[in-house]
Amino acid sequence: MRNDFFLVLKMSLISILFMYALALYKFNFDFSKVSLLVTLKWFPLILVLLLFCFYLSKNMKNK
């Protein structure tokens, strides 16, 4: 259970980093136009969605 949570936490951090990289790519890697704090505001939503998807798939495998 604990390892599962850390796996989901790691996946959500990686997805936040990809979102930040895509935003930087969109603005030609101009760091003044892309705020990390604006990107981090999506972290709770991504964490909850990944937890839901992870445990849903885990429950479907057990059936």
PDB file of N, CA and C in Angstrom:
ATOM      1  N   MET A   1       0.827  -1.196   0.000  1.00  0.00           N
ATOM      2  CA  MET A   1       0.000   0.000   0.000  1.00  0.00           C
ATOM      3  C   MET A   1       0.870   1.257   0.000  1.00  0.00           C
ATOM      4  N   ARG A   2       1.903   1.235   0.823  1.00  0.00           N
ATOM      5  CA  ARG A   2       2.786   2.395   0.916  1.00  0.00           C
ATOM      6  C   ARG A   2       3.564   2.583  -0.379  1.00  0.00           C
ATOM      7  N   ASN A   3       4.039   1.487  -0.950  1.00  0.00           N
ATOM      8  CA  ASN A   3       4.775   1.572  -2.208  1.00  0.00           C
ATOM      9  C   ASN A   3       3.878   2.072  -3.332  1.00  0.00           C
ATOM     10  N   ASP A   4       2.610   1.686  -3.289  1.00  0.00           N
ATOM     11  CA  ASP A   4       1.666   2.140  -4.307  1.00  0.00           C
ATOM     12  C   ASP A   4       1.496   3.657  -4.253  1.00  0.00           C
ATOM     13  N   PHE A   5       1.390   4.186  -3.046  1.00  0.00           N
ATOM     14  CA  PHE A   5       1.222   5.632  -2.913  1.00  0.00           C
ATOM     15  C   PHE A   5       2.442   6.373  -3.435  1.00  0.00           C
ATOM     16  N   PHE A   6       3.630   5.878  -3.118  1.00  0.00           N
ATOM     17  CA  PHE A   6       4.837   6.543  -3.600  1.00  0.00           C
ATOM     18  C   PHE A   6       4.979   6.418  -5.114  1.00  0.00           C
ATOM     19  N   LEU A   7       4.498   5.332  -5.674  1.00  0.00           N
ATOM     20  CA  LEU A   7       4.502   5.186  -7.128  1.00  0.00           C
ATOM     21  C   LEU A   7       3.581   6.222  -7.772  1.00  0.00           C
ATOM     22  N   VAL A   8       2.402   6.418  -7.207  1.00  0.00           N
ATOM     23  CA  VAL A   8       1.466   7.410  -7.730  1.00  0.00           C
ATOM     24  C   VAL A   8       2.023   8.819  -7.534  1.00  0.00           C
ATOM     25  N   LEU A   9       2.655   9.073  -6.406  1.00  0.00           N
ATOM     26  CA  LEU A   9       3.267  10.376  -6.157  1.00  0.00           C
ATOM     27  C   LEU A   9       4.365  10.662  -7.172  1.00  0.00           C
ATOM     28  N   LYS A  10       5.183   9.662  -7.462  1.00  0.00           N
ATOM     29  CA  LYS A  10       6.248   9.827  -8.450  1.00  0.00           C
ATOM     30  C   LYS A  10       5.669  10.067  -9.839  1.00  0.00           C
ATOM     31  N   MET A  11       4.620   9.349 -10.185  1.00  0.00           N
ATOM     32  CA  MET A  11       3.988   9.532 -11.492  1.00  0.00           C
ATOM     33  C   MET A  11       3.380  10.925 -11.623  1.00  0.00           C
ATOM     34  N   SER A  12       2.790  11.434 -10.550  1.00  0.00           N
ATOM     35  CA  SER A  12       2.192  12.765 -10.624  1.00  0.00           C
ATOM     36  C   SER A  12       3.264  13.845 -10.720  1.00  0.00           C
ATOM     37  N   LEU A  13       4.385  13.663 -10.042  1.00  0.00           N
ATOM     38  CA  LEU A  13       5.487  14.621 -10.170  1.00  0.00           C
ATOM     39  C   LEU A  13       6.061  14.613 -11.577  1.00  0.00           C
ATOM     40  N   ILE A  14       6.183  13.451 -12.164  1.00  0.00           N
ATOM     41  CA  ILE A  14       6.690  13.356 -13.537  1.00  0.00           C
ATOM     42  C   ILE A  14       5.726  14.023 -14.504  1.00  0.00           C
ATOM     43  N   SER A  15       4.429  13.839 -14.298  1.00  0.00           N
ATOM     44  CA  SER A  15       3.462  14.471 -15.202  1.00  0.00           C
ATOM     45  C   SER A  15       3.469  15.990 -15.044  1.00  0.00           C
ATOM     46  N   ILE A  16       3.683  16.501 -13.826  1.00  0.00           N
ATOM     47  CA  ILE A  16       3.802  17.951 -13.623  1.00  0.00           C
ATOM     48  C   ILE A  16       5.037  18.481 -14.340  1.00  0.00           C
ATOM     49  N   LEU A  17       6.141  17.742 -14.268  1.00  0.00           N
ATOM     50  CA  LEU A  17       7.353  18.173 -14.970  1.00  0.00           C
ATOM     51  C   LEU A  17       7.148  18.183 -16.479  1.00  0.00           C
ATOM     52  N   PHE A  18       6.432  17.205 -17.007  1.00  0.00           N
ATOM     53  CA  PHE A  18       6.131  17.198 -18.439  1.00  0.00           C
ATOM     54  C   PHE A  18       5.234  18.374 -18.821  1.00  0.00           C
ATOM     55  N   MET A  19       4.272  18.705 -17.971  1.00  0.00           N
ATOM     56  CA  MET A  19       3.426  19.869 -18.248  1.00  0.00           C
ATOM     57  C   MET A  19       4.256  21.143 -18.289  1.00  0.00           C
ATOM     58  N   TYR A  20       5.191  21.274 -17.357  1.00  0.00           N
ATOM     59  CA  TYR A  20       6.060  22.452 -17.309  1.00  0.00           C
ATOM     60  C   TYR A  20       6.957  22.503 -18.541  1.00  0.00           C
ATOM     61  N   ALA A  21       7.485  21.355 -18.947  1.00  0.00           N
ATOM     62  CA  ALA A  21       8.333  21.311 -20.141  1.00  0.00           C
ATOM     63  C   ALA A  21       7.539  21.665 -21.396  1.00  0.00           C
ATOM     64  N   LEU A  22       6.310  21.194 -21.495  1.00  0.00           N
ATOM     65  CA  LEU A  22       5.478  21.542 -22.645  1.00  0.00           C
ATOM     66  C   LEU A  22       5.128  23.027 -22.663  1.00  0.00           C
ATOM     67  N   ALA A  23       4.878  23.601 -21.492  1.00  0.00           N
ATOM     68  CA  ALA A  23       4.601  25.039 -21.435  1.00  0.00           C
ATOM     69  C   ALA A  23       5.838  25.837 -21.830  1.00  0.00           C
ATOM     70  N   LEU A  24       7.005  25.389 -21.387  1.00  0.00           N
ATOM     71  CA  LEU A  24       8.240  26.061 -21.793  1.00  0.00           C
ATOM     72  C   LEU A  24       8.460  25.942 -23.289  1.00  0.00           C
ATOM     73  N   TYR A  25       8.172  24.788 -23.850  1.00  0.00           N
ATOM     74  CA  TYR A  25       8.325  24.581 -25.290  1.00  0.00           C
ATOM     75  C   TYR A  25       7.385  25.499 -26.074  1.00  0.00           C
ATOM     76  N   LYS A  26       6.178  25.666 -25.559  1.00  0.00           N
ATOM     77  CA  LYS A  26       5.200  26.514 -26.248  1.00  0.00           C
ATOM     78  C   LYS A  26       5.671  27.966 -26.299  1.00  0.00           C
ATOM     79  N   PHE A  27       6.340  28.426 -25.252  1.00  0.00           N
ATOM     80  CA  PHE A  27       6.814  29.808 -25.187  1.00  0.00           C
ATOM     81  C   PHE A  27       8.307  29.919 -25.491  1.00  0.00           C
ATOM     82  N   ASN A  28       8.829  28.995 -26.291  1.00  0.00           N
ATOM     83  CA  ASN A  28      10.226  29.016 -26.759  1.00  0.00           C
ATOM     84  C   ASN A  28      11.235  29.082 -25.612  1.00  0.00           C
ATOM     85  N   PHE A  29      10.954  28.354 -24.556  1.00  0.00           N
ATOM     86  CA  PHE A  29      11.822  28.227 -23.386  1.00  0.00           C
ATOM     87  C   PHE A  29      12.154  29.577 -22.756  1.00  0.00           C
ATOM     88  N   ASP A  30      11.186  30.471 -22.777  1.00  0.00           N
ATOM     89  CA  ASP A  30      11.318  31.762 -22.105  1.00  0.00           C
ATOM     90  C   ASP A  30      10.782  31.596 -20.684  1.00  0.00           C
ATOM     91  N   PHE A  31      11.698  31.499 -19.716  1.00  0.00           N
ATOM     92  CA  PHE A  31      11.312  31.206 -18.337  1.00  0.00           C
ATOM     93  C   PHE A  31      10.513  32.339 -17.702  1.00  0.00           C
ATOM     94  N   SER A  32      10.616  33.540 -18.242  1.00  0.00           N
ATOM     95  CA  SER A  32       9.868  34.656 -17.657  1.00  0.00           C
ATOM     96  C   SER A  32       8.378  34.573 -17.979  1.00  0.00           C
ATOM     97  N   LYS A  33       8.003  33.853 -19.031  1.00  0.00           N
ATOM     98  CA  LYS A  33       6.592  33.736 -19.416  1.00  0.00           C
ATOM     99  C   LYS A  33       5.891  32.553 -18.756  1.00  0.00           C
ATOM    100  N   VAL A  34       6.655  31.592 -18.246  1.00  0.00           N
ATOM    101  CA  VAL A  34       6.064  30.384 -17.661  1.00  0.00           C
ATOM    102  C   VAL A  34       6.383  30.358 -16.170  1.00  0.00           C
ATOM    103  N   SER A  35       5.342  30.296 -15.364  1.00  0.00           N
ATOM    104  CA  SER A  35       5.513  30.262 -13.912  1.00  0.00           C
ATOM    105  C   SER A  35       5.363  28.829 -13.406  1.00  0.00           C
ATOM    106  N   LEU A  36       6.298  28.419 -12.589  1.00  0.00           N
ATOM    107  CA  LEU A  36       6.231  27.080 -12.009  1.00  0.00           C
ATOM    108  C   LEU A  36       5.069  26.971 -11.027  1.00  0.00           C
ATOM    109  N   LEU A  37       4.763  28.064 -10.337  1.00  0.00           N
ATOM    110  CA  LEU A  37       3.662  28.032  -9.369  1.00  0.00           C
ATOM    111  C   LEU A  37       2.311  27.831 -10.045  1.00  0.00           C
ATOM    112  N   VAL A  38       2.145  28.390 -11.226  1.00  0.00           N
ATOM    113  CA  VAL A  38       0.894  28.184 -11.960  1.00  0.00           C
ATOM    114  C   VAL A  38       0.776  26.723 -12.371  1.00  0.00           C
ATOM    115  N   THR A  39       1.892  26.113 -12.738  1.00  0.00           N
ATOM    116  CA  THR A  39       1.883  24.702 -13.109  1.00  0.00           C
ATOM    117  C   THR A  39       1.620  23.824 -11.887  1.00  0.00           C
ATOM    118  N   LEU A  40       2.172  24.196 -10.749  1.00  0.00           N
ATOM    119  CA  LEU A  40       2.002  23.387  -9.537  1.00  0.00           C
ATOM    120  C   LEU A  40       0.589  23.438  -8.966  1.00  0.00           C
ATOM    121  N   LYS A  41      -0.209  24.412  -9.382  1.00  0.00           N
ATOM    122  CA  LYS A  41      -1.582  24.455  -8.854  1.00  0.00           C
ATOM    123  C   LYS A  41      -2.402  23.262  -9.326  1.00  0.00           C
ATOM    124  N   TRP A  42      -1.964  22.593 -10.389  1.00  0.00           N
ATOM    125  CA  TRP A  42      -2.663  21.418 -10.904  1.00  0.00           C
ATOM    126  C   TRP A  42      -2.239  20.130 -10.203  1.00  0.00           C
ATOM    127  N   PHE A  43      -1.240  20.185  -9.319  1.00  0.00           N
ATOM    128  CA  PHE A  43      -0.724  18.977  -8.677  1.00  0.00           C
ATOM    129  C   PHE A  43      -1.788  18.211  -7.884  1.00  0.00           C
ATOM    130  N   PRO A  44      -2.599  18.861  -7.047  1.00  0.00           N
ATOM    131  CA  PRO A  44      -3.600  18.075  -6.298  1.00  0.00           C
ATOM    132  C   PRO A  44      -4.592  17.342  -7.201  1.00  0.00           C
ATOM    133  N   LEU A  45      -5.017  17.994  -8.264  1.00  0.00           N
ATOM    134  CA  LEU A  45      -5.955  17.353  -9.185  1.00  0.00           C
ATOM    135  C   LEU A  45      -5.313  16.153  -9.870  1.00  0.00           C
ATOM    136  N   ILE A  46      -4.091  16.309 -10.322  1.00  0.00           N
ATOM    137  CA  ILE A  46      -3.395  15.200 -10.986  1.00  0.00           C
ATOM    138  C   ILE A  46      -3.162  14.056 -10.010  1.00  0.00           C
ATOM    139  N   LEU A  47      -2.807  14.383  -8.771  1.00  0.00           N
ATOM    140  CA  LEU A  47      -2.581  13.348  -7.761  1.00  0.00           C
ATOM    141  C   LEU A  47      -3.859  12.553  -7.501  1.00  0.00           C
ATOM    142  N   VAL A  48      -4.977  13.231  -7.344  1.00  0.00           N
ATOM    143  CA  VAL A  48      -6.243  12.546  -7.079  1.00  0.00           C
ATOM    144  C   VAL A  48      -6.661  11.699  -8.279  1.00  0.00           C
ATOM    145  N   LEU A  49      -6.519  12.241  -9.479  1.00  0.00           N
ATOM    146  CA  LEU A  49      -6.891  11.477 -10.671  1.00  0.00           C
ATOM    147  C   LEU A  49      -6.017  10.242 -10.852  1.00  0.00           C
ATOM    148  N   LEU A  50      -4.722  10.381 -10.618  1.00  0.00           N
ATOM    149  CA  LEU A  50      -3.846   9.221 -10.747  1.00  0.00           C
ATOM    150  C   LEU A  50      -4.109   8.184  -9.660  1.00  0.00           C
ATOM    151  N   LEU A  51      -4.412   8.642  -8.443  1.00  0.00           N
ATOM    152  CA  LEU A  51      -4.774   7.694  -7.381  1.00  0.00           C
ATOM    153  C   LEU A  51      -6.038   6.926  -7.753  1.00  0.00           C
ATOM    154  N   PHE A  52      -7.025   7.637  -8.259  1.00  0.00           N
ATOM    155  CA  PHE A  52      -8.275   6.995  -8.664  1.00  0.00           C
ATOM    156  C   PHE A  52      -8.031   5.974  -9.772  1.00  0.00           C
ATOM    157  N   CYS A  53      -7.290   6.366 -10.788  1.00  0.00           N
ATOM    158  CA  CYS A  53      -7.019   5.450 -11.909  1.00  0.00           C
ATOM    159  C   CYS A  53      -6.191   4.249 -11.463  1.00  0.00           C
ATOM    160  N   PHE A  54      -5.217   4.484 -10.598  1.00  0.00           N
ATOM    161  CA  PHE A  54      -4.355   3.403 -10.141  1.00  0.00           C
ATOM    162  C   PHE A  54      -5.144   2.377  -9.335  1.00  0.00           C
ATOM    163  N   TYR A  55      -5.943   2.844  -8.375  1.00  0.00           N
ATOM    164  CA  TYR A  55      -6.691   1.903  -7.545  1.00  0.00           C
ATOM    165  C   TYR A  55      -7.850   1.266  -8.302  1.00  0.00           C
ATOM    166  N   LEU A  56      -8.399   1.962  -9.268  1.00  0.00           N
ATOM    167  CA  LEU A  56      -9.428   1.362 -10.104  1.00  0.00           C
ATOM    168  C   LEU A  56      -8.850   0.222 -10.939  1.00  0.00           C
ATOM    169  N   SER A  57      -7.697   0.446 -11.527  1.00  0.00           N
ATOM    170  CA  SER A  57      -7.072  -0.624 -12.313  1.00  0.00           C
ATOM    171  C   SER A  57      -6.623  -1.778 -11.421  1.00  0.00           C
ATOM    172  N   LYS A  58      -6.190  -1.459 -10.212  1.00  0.00           N
ATOM    173  CA  LYS A  58      -5.778  -2.513  -9.284  1.00  0.00           C
ATOM    174  C   LYS A  58      -6.975  -3.371  -8.871  1.00  0.00           C
ATOM    175  N   ASN A  59      -8.119  -2.736  -8.634  1.00  0.00           N
ATOM    176  CA  ASN A  59      -9.324  -3.487  -8.271  1.00  0.00           C
ATOM    177  C   ASN A  59      -9.847  -4.302  -9.439  1.00  0.00           C
ATOM    178  N   MET A  60      -9.713  -3.803 -10.642  1.00  0.00           N
ATOM    179  CA  MET A  60     -10.187  -4.544 -11.813  1.00  0.00           C
ATOM    180  C   MET A  60      -9.311  -5.762 -12.088  1.00  0.00           C
ATOM    181  N   LYS A  61      -8.035  -5.692 -11.745  1.00  0.00           N
ATOM    182  CA  LYS A  61      -7.148  -6.846 -11.920  1.00  0.00           C
ATOM    183  C   LYS A  61      -7.494  -7.953 -10.938  1.00  0.00           C
ATOM    184  N   ASN A  62      -7.933  -7.582  -9.739  1.00  0.00           N
ATOM    185  CA  ASN A  62      -8.250  -8.577  -8.714  1.00  0.00           C
ATOM    186  C   ASN A  62      -9.548  -9.319  -8.999  1.00  0.00           C
ATOM    187  N   LYS A  63     -10.412  -8.778  -9.830  1.00  0.00           N
ATOM    188  CA  LYS A  63     -11.700  -9.439 -10.101  1.00  0.00           C
ATOM    189  C   LYS A  63     -11.584 -10.483 -11.157  1.00  0.00           C
TER     190      LYS A  63
END
